[in-house]
N, C-alpha and C. Protein backbone atom coordinates (compact mmCIF):
# COMPACT_ATOMS: atom_id res chain seq x y z
N MET A 1 72.98 85.69 89.85
CA MET A 1 72.26 86.23 90.98
C MET A 1 71.37 87.39 90.53
N LEU A 2 71.87 88.19 89.59
CA LEU A 2 71.05 89.30 89.09
C LEU A 2 69.79 88.79 88.41
N GLY A 3 69.94 87.75 87.60
CA GLY A 3 68.79 87.17 86.91
C GLY A 3 67.78 86.59 87.88
N LEU A 4 68.26 85.90 88.90
CA LEU A 4 67.37 85.33 89.90
C LEU A 4 66.62 86.42 90.66
N ALA A 5 67.35 87.46 91.05
CA ALA A 5 66.72 88.57 91.79
C ALA A 5 65.63 89.22 90.94
N LYS A 6 65.91 89.42 89.66
CA LYS A 6 64.91 90.02 88.79
C LYS A 6 63.71 89.09 88.62
N ARG A 7 63.97 87.82 88.42
CA ARG A 7 62.91 86.84 88.18
C ARG A 7 61.96 86.72 89.37
N VAL A 8 62.49 86.74 90.59
CA VAL A 8 61.63 86.57 91.76
C VAL A 8 61.24 87.89 92.42
N GLY A 9 61.67 89.01 91.81
CA GLY A 9 61.31 90.32 92.35
C GLY A 9 62.02 90.67 93.64
N ALA A 10 63.21 90.11 93.83
CA ALA A 10 63.97 90.38 95.06
C ALA A 10 64.85 91.61 94.89
N ARG A 11 65.16 92.21 96.00
CA ARG A 11 66.13 93.31 95.99
C ARG A 11 67.52 92.70 95.94
N PHE A 12 68.44 93.38 95.29
CA PHE A 12 69.81 92.88 95.13
C PHE A 12 70.77 93.91 95.70
N LEU A 13 71.63 93.48 96.60
CA LEU A 13 72.63 94.37 97.18
C LEU A 13 74.00 93.87 96.78
N LEU A 14 74.76 94.70 96.09
CA LEU A 14 76.14 94.39 95.73
C LEU A 14 77.03 95.18 96.67
N THR A 15 77.88 94.49 97.40
CA THR A 15 78.84 95.19 98.24
C THR A 15 80.16 95.22 97.49
N SER A 16 80.68 96.41 97.32
CA SER A 16 81.90 96.58 96.54
C SER A 16 83.00 97.06 97.47
N THR A 17 83.82 97.97 97.02
CA THR A 17 84.98 98.42 97.78
C THR A 17 85.44 99.77 97.30
N SER A 18 86.14 100.48 98.15
CA SER A 18 86.71 101.77 97.75
C SER A 18 87.78 101.59 96.68
N GLU A 19 88.22 100.37 96.46
CA GLU A 19 89.22 100.09 95.43
C GLU A 19 88.72 100.49 94.04
N VAL A 20 87.39 100.59 93.85
CA VAL A 20 86.87 100.98 92.54
C VAL A 20 87.30 102.40 92.18
N TYR A 21 87.71 103.19 93.17
CA TYR A 21 88.17 104.55 92.91
C TYR A 21 89.67 104.61 92.65
N GLY A 22 90.39 103.51 92.89
CA GLY A 22 91.83 103.51 92.70
C GLY A 22 92.50 104.49 93.65
N ASP A 23 93.58 105.11 93.20
CA ASP A 23 94.27 106.14 93.98
C ASP A 23 93.59 107.45 93.60
N PRO A 24 92.63 107.91 94.39
CA PRO A 24 91.71 108.96 93.95
C PRO A 24 92.36 110.33 93.77
N LEU A 25 91.86 111.02 92.75
CA LEU A 25 92.24 112.42 92.52
C LEU A 25 91.22 113.34 93.16
N GLN A 26 90.10 112.80 93.61
CA GLN A 26 89.03 113.54 94.29
C GLN A 26 88.94 113.00 95.70
N HIS A 27 88.87 113.91 96.69
CA HIS A 27 88.84 113.47 98.10
C HIS A 27 87.91 114.34 98.89
N PRO A 28 86.86 113.85 99.53
CA PRO A 28 86.43 112.45 99.54
C PRO A 28 85.81 112.06 98.20
N GLN A 29 85.56 110.77 98.04
CA GLN A 29 85.05 110.26 96.78
C GLN A 29 83.53 110.12 96.83
N ALA A 30 82.84 110.84 95.95
CA ALA A 30 81.38 110.71 95.81
C ALA A 30 81.09 109.54 94.88
N GLU A 31 79.86 109.05 94.91
CA GLU A 31 79.49 107.93 94.05
C GLU A 31 79.60 108.27 92.57
N THR A 32 79.56 109.54 92.22
CA THR A 32 79.66 109.95 90.83
C THR A 32 81.10 110.02 90.33
N TYR A 33 82.07 109.88 91.23
CA TYR A 33 83.48 109.93 90.84
C TYR A 33 83.85 108.68 90.05
N TRP A 34 84.49 108.85 88.90
CA TRP A 34 84.81 107.73 88.02
C TRP A 34 86.04 106.96 88.45
N GLY A 35 86.87 107.55 89.25
CA GLY A 35 88.03 106.83 89.75
C GLY A 35 89.30 107.07 88.96
N ASN A 36 90.37 106.51 89.49
CA ASN A 36 91.71 106.66 88.92
C ASN A 36 92.41 105.31 89.09
N VAL A 37 91.97 104.32 88.31
CA VAL A 37 92.47 102.96 88.44
C VAL A 37 93.40 102.62 87.29
N ASN A 38 94.51 101.99 87.61
CA ASN A 38 95.43 101.50 86.59
C ASN A 38 94.88 100.16 86.09
N PRO A 39 94.38 100.10 84.85
CA PRO A 39 93.72 98.87 84.38
C PRO A 39 94.67 97.71 84.08
N ILE A 40 95.99 97.95 84.12
CA ILE A 40 96.94 96.86 83.85
C ILE A 40 97.95 96.69 84.97
N GLY A 41 97.70 97.30 86.12
CA GLY A 41 98.61 97.19 87.26
C GLY A 41 98.45 95.87 87.99
N VAL A 42 99.31 95.67 89.00
CA VAL A 42 99.29 94.41 89.74
C VAL A 42 98.01 94.22 90.54
N ARG A 43 97.30 95.30 90.86
CA ARG A 43 96.05 95.21 91.62
C ARG A 43 94.82 95.29 90.70
N SER A 44 95.03 95.41 89.40
CA SER A 44 93.92 95.71 88.49
C SER A 44 92.86 94.62 88.45
N CYS A 45 93.23 93.38 88.63
CA CYS A 45 92.23 92.31 88.59
C CYS A 45 91.16 92.52 89.66
N TYR A 46 91.59 92.87 90.87
CA TYR A 46 90.65 93.11 91.96
C TYR A 46 89.87 94.40 91.70
N ASP A 47 90.60 95.50 91.41
CA ASP A 47 89.95 96.79 91.20
C ASP A 47 88.94 96.74 90.07
N GLU A 48 89.37 96.23 88.92
CA GLU A 48 88.51 96.21 87.75
C GLU A 48 87.39 95.17 87.89
N GLY A 49 87.65 94.09 88.62
CA GLY A 49 86.61 93.11 88.88
C GLY A 49 85.45 93.73 89.65
N LYS A 50 85.78 94.52 90.66
CA LYS A 50 84.75 95.20 91.45
C LYS A 50 84.03 96.24 90.59
N ARG A 51 84.79 96.95 89.74
CA ARG A 51 84.18 97.94 88.86
C ARG A 51 83.23 97.25 87.88
N THR A 52 83.63 96.10 87.36
CA THR A 52 82.79 95.34 86.44
C THR A 52 81.50 94.88 87.12
N ALA A 53 81.62 94.40 88.34
CA ALA A 53 80.44 93.96 89.09
C ALA A 53 79.47 95.13 89.27
N GLU A 54 79.99 96.31 89.58
CA GLU A 54 79.12 97.48 89.73
C GLU A 54 78.46 97.84 88.41
N THR A 55 79.23 97.78 87.32
CA THR A 55 78.70 98.12 86.00
C THR A 55 77.58 97.15 85.60
N LEU A 56 77.82 95.85 85.77
CA LEU A 56 76.81 94.86 85.41
C LEU A 56 75.55 95.01 86.25
N THR A 57 75.74 95.27 87.52
CA THR A 57 74.58 95.43 88.40
C THR A 57 73.76 96.65 87.99
N MET A 58 74.43 97.74 87.68
CA MET A 58 73.71 98.95 87.26
C MET A 58 73.03 98.76 85.91
N ASP A 59 73.70 98.09 85.00
CA ASP A 59 73.11 97.86 83.69
C ASP A 59 71.94 96.89 83.75
N TYR A 60 72.00 95.95 84.66
CA TYR A 60 70.96 94.93 84.75
C TYR A 60 69.64 95.50 85.23
N HIS A 61 69.75 96.38 86.21
CA HIS A 61 68.50 96.89 86.77
C HIS A 61 68.65 98.36 87.12
N ARG A 62 67.91 99.19 86.45
CA ARG A 62 67.91 100.62 86.76
C ARG A 62 66.51 100.97 87.23
N GLY A 63 66.28 101.43 88.51
CA GLY A 63 64.99 101.81 89.05
C GLY A 63 65.09 102.03 90.55
N GLU A 64 63.87 102.32 91.25
CA GLU A 64 63.74 102.73 92.62
C GLU A 64 64.89 103.65 92.94
N HIS A 65 65.82 103.42 94.16
CA HIS A 65 67.03 104.28 94.27
C HIS A 65 68.08 103.75 93.34
N VAL A 66 68.52 104.54 92.37
CA VAL A 66 69.60 104.16 91.47
C VAL A 66 70.92 104.41 92.17
N GLY A 67 71.77 103.39 92.25
CA GLY A 67 73.04 103.47 92.96
C GLY A 67 74.15 103.80 92.02
N PRO A 68 75.34 103.73 92.44
CA PRO A 68 75.80 103.13 93.69
C PRO A 68 75.67 104.08 94.87
N PHE A 69 75.80 103.52 96.06
CA PHE A 69 75.83 104.28 97.30
C PHE A 69 77.12 103.93 98.03
N ASN A 70 77.83 104.95 98.48
CA ASN A 70 78.98 104.70 99.32
C ASN A 70 78.50 104.37 100.72
N LEU A 71 78.81 103.17 101.20
CA LEU A 71 78.52 102.78 102.57
C LEU A 71 79.87 102.52 103.22
N GLY A 72 80.30 103.43 104.01
CA GLY A 72 81.61 103.33 104.65
C GLY A 72 81.71 104.36 105.73
N ASN A 73 82.85 104.38 106.36
CA ASN A 73 83.07 105.35 107.42
C ASN A 73 83.93 106.48 106.89
N PRO A 74 83.41 107.70 106.87
CA PRO A 74 84.19 108.81 106.34
C PRO A 74 85.32 109.25 107.28
N GLY A 75 85.40 108.65 108.47
CA GLY A 75 86.52 108.95 109.36
C GLY A 75 87.79 108.34 108.80
N GLU A 76 88.86 109.13 108.74
CA GLU A 76 90.11 108.63 108.18
C GLU A 76 91.07 108.24 109.28
N PHE A 77 91.86 107.20 109.01
CA PHE A 77 92.92 106.80 109.92
C PHE A 77 94.02 106.16 109.08
N THR A 78 95.23 106.19 109.60
CA THR A 78 96.36 105.60 108.89
C THR A 78 96.36 104.09 109.09
N MET A 79 97.13 103.41 108.26
CA MET A 79 97.27 101.96 108.43
C MET A 79 97.90 101.64 109.78
N LEU A 80 98.80 102.50 110.25
CA LEU A 80 99.41 102.28 111.56
C LEU A 80 98.36 102.39 112.67
N GLU A 81 97.48 103.39 112.55
CA GLU A 81 96.39 103.52 113.54
C GLU A 81 95.49 102.28 113.51
N LEU A 82 95.17 101.79 112.31
CA LEU A 82 94.36 100.59 112.18
C LEU A 82 95.08 99.39 112.78
N ALA A 83 96.36 99.25 112.46
CA ALA A 83 97.14 98.13 113.00
C ALA A 83 97.16 98.16 114.53
N ARG A 84 97.26 99.35 115.10
CA ARG A 84 97.29 99.46 116.56
C ARG A 84 95.93 99.09 117.18
N VAL A 85 94.85 99.46 116.52
CA VAL A 85 93.53 99.08 117.03
C VAL A 85 93.37 97.56 116.96
N VAL A 86 93.79 96.96 115.85
CA VAL A 86 93.73 95.51 115.72
C VAL A 86 94.60 94.86 116.80
N GLN A 87 95.79 95.40 116.98
CA GLN A 87 96.71 94.88 118.00
C GLN A 87 96.09 94.98 119.39
N ASP A 88 95.53 96.14 119.73
CA ASP A 88 94.91 96.35 121.05
C ASP A 88 93.72 95.41 121.25
N THR A 89 92.97 95.18 120.19
CA THR A 89 91.76 94.38 120.28
C THR A 89 92.03 92.88 120.32
N ILE A 90 92.96 92.43 119.50
CA ILE A 90 93.15 91.00 119.33
C ILE A 90 94.34 90.44 120.10
N ASP A 91 95.49 91.12 120.00
CA ASP A 91 96.69 90.59 120.66
C ASP A 91 97.68 91.72 120.90
N PRO A 92 97.72 92.27 122.12
CA PRO A 92 98.63 93.37 122.42
C PRO A 92 100.11 93.03 122.18
N SER A 93 100.46 91.74 122.15
CA SER A 93 101.87 91.38 121.93
C SER A 93 102.20 91.17 120.45
N ALA A 94 101.20 91.33 119.56
CA ALA A 94 101.44 91.16 118.12
C ALA A 94 102.43 92.21 117.65
N LYS A 95 103.34 91.80 116.80
CA LYS A 95 104.36 92.69 116.25
C LYS A 95 103.83 93.40 115.00
N ILE A 96 104.06 94.69 114.90
CA ILE A 96 103.68 95.45 113.72
C ILE A 96 104.90 95.54 112.81
N GLU A 97 104.74 95.05 111.59
CA GLU A 97 105.83 95.09 110.60
C GLU A 97 105.54 96.17 109.57
N PHE A 98 106.55 96.89 109.17
CA PHE A 98 106.43 97.93 108.16
C PHE A 98 106.95 97.39 106.84
N ARG A 99 106.10 97.45 105.81
CA ARG A 99 106.47 96.96 104.48
C ARG A 99 106.05 97.98 103.45
N PRO A 100 106.68 97.95 102.28
CA PRO A 100 106.28 98.90 101.22
C PRO A 100 104.87 98.61 100.74
N ASN A 101 104.19 99.66 100.27
CA ASN A 101 102.85 99.49 99.70
C ASN A 101 102.93 98.63 98.46
N THR A 102 101.83 97.93 98.19
CA THR A 102 101.68 97.24 96.92
C THR A 102 101.51 98.30 95.85
N GLU A 103 102.06 98.05 94.67
CA GLU A 103 101.93 99.00 93.57
C GLU A 103 100.46 99.31 93.31
N ASP A 104 100.14 100.56 93.07
CA ASP A 104 98.78 101.05 92.78
C ASP A 104 97.84 100.99 93.98
N ASP A 105 98.35 100.73 95.18
CA ASP A 105 97.51 100.74 96.37
C ASP A 105 97.11 102.19 96.64
N PRO A 106 95.80 102.48 96.78
CA PRO A 106 95.37 103.86 97.02
C PRO A 106 95.99 104.43 98.29
N HIS A 107 96.34 105.70 98.23
CA HIS A 107 96.93 106.37 99.39
C HIS A 107 95.89 107.01 100.29
N LYS A 108 94.72 107.30 99.73
CA LYS A 108 93.64 107.92 100.50
C LYS A 108 92.35 107.18 100.21
N ARG A 109 91.52 107.08 101.25
CA ARG A 109 90.18 106.52 101.08
C ARG A 109 89.26 107.27 102.02
N LYS A 110 88.24 107.89 101.47
CA LYS A 110 87.25 108.58 102.29
C LYS A 110 85.96 108.67 101.50
N PRO A 111 85.00 107.81 101.80
CA PRO A 111 83.76 107.85 101.04
C PRO A 111 82.92 109.05 101.41
N ASP A 112 82.32 109.65 100.41
CA ASP A 112 81.32 110.69 100.63
C ASP A 112 79.99 109.96 100.76
N ILE A 113 79.43 109.91 101.96
CA ILE A 113 78.22 109.11 102.21
C ILE A 113 76.95 109.96 102.21
N THR A 114 77.00 111.13 101.63
CA THR A 114 75.84 112.02 101.60
C THR A 114 74.61 111.35 101.00
N ARG A 115 74.76 110.66 99.85
CA ARG A 115 73.61 110.01 99.20
C ARG A 115 73.01 108.92 100.09
N ALA A 116 73.87 108.14 100.74
CA ALA A 116 73.38 107.08 101.63
C ALA A 116 72.60 107.68 102.80
N LYS A 117 73.09 108.80 103.33
CA LYS A 117 72.38 109.46 104.44
C LYS A 117 71.02 109.97 103.97
N GLU A 118 71.03 110.66 102.82
CA GLU A 118 69.81 111.31 102.35
C GLU A 118 68.77 110.33 101.82
N LEU A 119 69.19 109.34 101.02
CA LEU A 119 68.23 108.47 100.35
C LEU A 119 67.96 107.16 101.08
N LEU A 120 68.93 106.68 101.84
CA LEU A 120 68.74 105.42 102.55
C LEU A 120 68.59 105.60 104.06
N GLY A 121 68.90 106.80 104.53
CA GLY A 121 68.86 107.03 105.97
C GLY A 121 69.94 106.25 106.70
N TRP A 122 71.08 106.02 106.03
CA TRP A 122 72.15 105.21 106.59
C TRP A 122 73.40 106.04 106.87
N GLU A 123 74.00 105.77 107.98
CA GLU A 123 75.34 106.28 108.29
C GLU A 123 75.93 105.40 109.38
N PRO A 124 77.25 105.33 109.47
CA PRO A 124 77.86 104.46 110.48
C PRO A 124 77.54 104.97 111.88
N LYS A 125 77.31 104.02 112.78
CA LYS A 125 76.96 104.38 114.16
C LYS A 125 78.00 103.87 115.16
N ILE A 126 78.83 102.93 114.74
CA ILE A 126 79.79 102.31 115.65
C ILE A 126 81.20 102.60 115.16
N SER A 127 82.06 103.02 116.06
CA SER A 127 83.45 103.34 115.70
C SER A 127 84.24 102.06 115.48
N LEU A 128 85.38 102.20 114.84
CA LEU A 128 86.28 101.07 114.62
C LEU A 128 86.65 100.42 115.95
N ARG A 129 87.01 101.22 116.93
CA ARG A 129 87.46 100.70 118.23
C ARG A 129 86.32 99.95 118.95
N GLN A 130 85.06 100.36 118.72
CA GLN A 130 83.92 99.65 119.30
C GLN A 130 83.54 98.43 118.46
N GLY A 131 83.60 98.58 117.16
CA GLY A 131 83.11 97.56 116.26
C GLY A 131 84.02 96.37 116.06
N LEU A 132 85.33 96.59 116.09
CA LEU A 132 86.25 95.48 115.85
C LEU A 132 86.09 94.35 116.87
N PRO A 133 86.00 94.64 118.18
CA PRO A 133 85.78 93.54 119.12
C PRO A 133 84.45 92.81 118.88
N LEU A 134 83.42 93.55 118.47
CA LEU A 134 82.14 92.91 118.16
C LEU A 134 82.26 91.98 116.97
N MET A 135 83.01 92.43 115.94
CA MET A 135 83.23 91.62 114.75
C MET A 135 84.02 90.35 115.09
N VAL A 136 85.08 90.50 115.87
CA VAL A 136 85.90 89.34 116.25
C VAL A 136 85.05 88.33 117.01
N SER A 137 84.25 88.81 117.94
CA SER A 137 83.38 87.94 118.73
C SER A 137 82.38 87.23 117.82
N ASP A 138 81.77 87.96 116.90
CA ASP A 138 80.80 87.37 115.98
C ASP A 138 81.46 86.32 115.09
N PHE A 139 82.66 86.62 114.56
CA PHE A 139 83.36 85.64 113.72
C PHE A 139 83.69 84.39 114.52
N ARG A 140 84.13 84.56 115.76
CA ARG A 140 84.44 83.40 116.60
C ARG A 140 83.22 82.51 116.78
N LYS A 141 82.09 83.14 117.03
CA LYS A 141 80.85 82.37 117.21
C LYS A 141 80.48 81.62 115.94
N ARG A 142 80.58 82.29 114.80
CA ARG A 142 80.18 81.69 113.54
C ARG A 142 81.15 80.60 113.08
N ILE A 143 82.45 80.86 113.25
CA ILE A 143 83.45 79.94 112.71
C ILE A 143 83.79 78.82 113.69
N PHE A 144 83.98 79.18 114.94
CA PHE A 144 84.46 78.19 115.91
C PHE A 144 83.39 77.73 116.89
N GLY A 145 82.20 78.32 116.83
CA GLY A 145 81.15 77.95 117.76
C GLY A 145 81.44 78.42 119.17
N ASP A 146 82.34 79.40 119.29
CA ASP A 146 82.72 79.94 120.61
C ASP A 146 81.64 80.91 121.05
N HIS A 147 80.87 80.54 122.05
CA HIS A 147 79.79 81.38 122.52
C HIS A 147 80.08 82.02 123.87
N SER A 148 81.36 81.98 124.27
CA SER A 148 81.72 82.63 125.54
C SER A 148 81.76 84.13 125.34
N ASP A 149 81.54 84.86 126.39
CA ASP A 149 81.59 86.32 126.32
C ASP A 149 82.96 86.85 126.70
N SER A 150 83.97 86.00 126.61
CA SER A 150 85.31 86.43 126.99
C SER A 150 85.86 87.42 125.99
N ASN A 151 86.90 88.11 126.40
CA ASN A 151 87.56 89.09 125.57
C ASN A 151 88.17 88.40 124.35
N PRO A 152 87.98 88.94 123.13
CA PRO A 152 88.54 88.29 121.95
C PRO A 152 90.06 88.44 121.95
N THR A 153 90.77 87.32 121.92
CA THR A 153 92.22 87.37 121.83
C THR A 153 92.69 86.32 120.85
N ALA A 154 93.79 86.60 120.21
CA ALA A 154 94.41 85.67 119.28
C ALA A 154 95.87 86.04 119.19
N THR A 155 96.66 85.27 118.49
CA THR A 155 98.06 85.62 118.32
C THR A 155 98.32 85.86 116.86
N GLY A 156 99.36 86.64 116.58
CA GLY A 156 99.70 86.88 115.19
C GLY A 156 100.50 88.15 115.01
N THR A 157 100.67 88.52 113.76
CA THR A 157 101.42 89.71 113.39
C THR A 157 100.51 90.64 112.63
N VAL A 158 100.56 91.92 112.96
CA VAL A 158 99.81 92.95 112.25
C VAL A 158 100.78 93.61 111.30
N THR A 159 100.49 93.63 110.01
CA THR A 159 101.40 94.18 109.01
C THR A 159 100.86 95.50 108.51
N GLU A 160 101.73 96.51 108.45
CA GLU A 160 101.33 97.81 107.93
C GLU A 160 102.17 98.14 106.74
N SER A 161 101.54 98.57 105.64
CA SER A 161 102.27 99.04 104.47
C SER A 161 102.63 100.49 104.69
N THR A 162 103.78 100.88 104.16
CA THR A 162 104.20 102.27 104.31
C THR A 162 104.04 103.02 103.01
């Protein structure tokens, strides 16, 4: 994809994840933060894969705004708070289960989005509680062809790591 983008003069956007920072020693995490990732842990394939994608993308093309840019919501919430929003949005009767964290799962995530605000003019405008129902509705339309404006509901279990 990088070669094609360069060949046809297209812009290339790589979407990555806060996992590239691992369990951060810096909070919030700026784009210049190198991270704290265990390269041989049970999550390392995902973490290092994303880090590799960022490295290749940066090495392939350096110019205009040089990235990376953190695009995320700097508002913090616990997994339990997230599980409750999902539960409220999708299925109020869904059971929340408490399970241990996966080894090397980051304990904190908070992107420093200063560069994105300053250079791209970007910042989040919709809260989780507003955006989740919109996302569910959009996914339903795309996946199931459901074009009704009804309230998004489904059944299931919301799992929270402790």
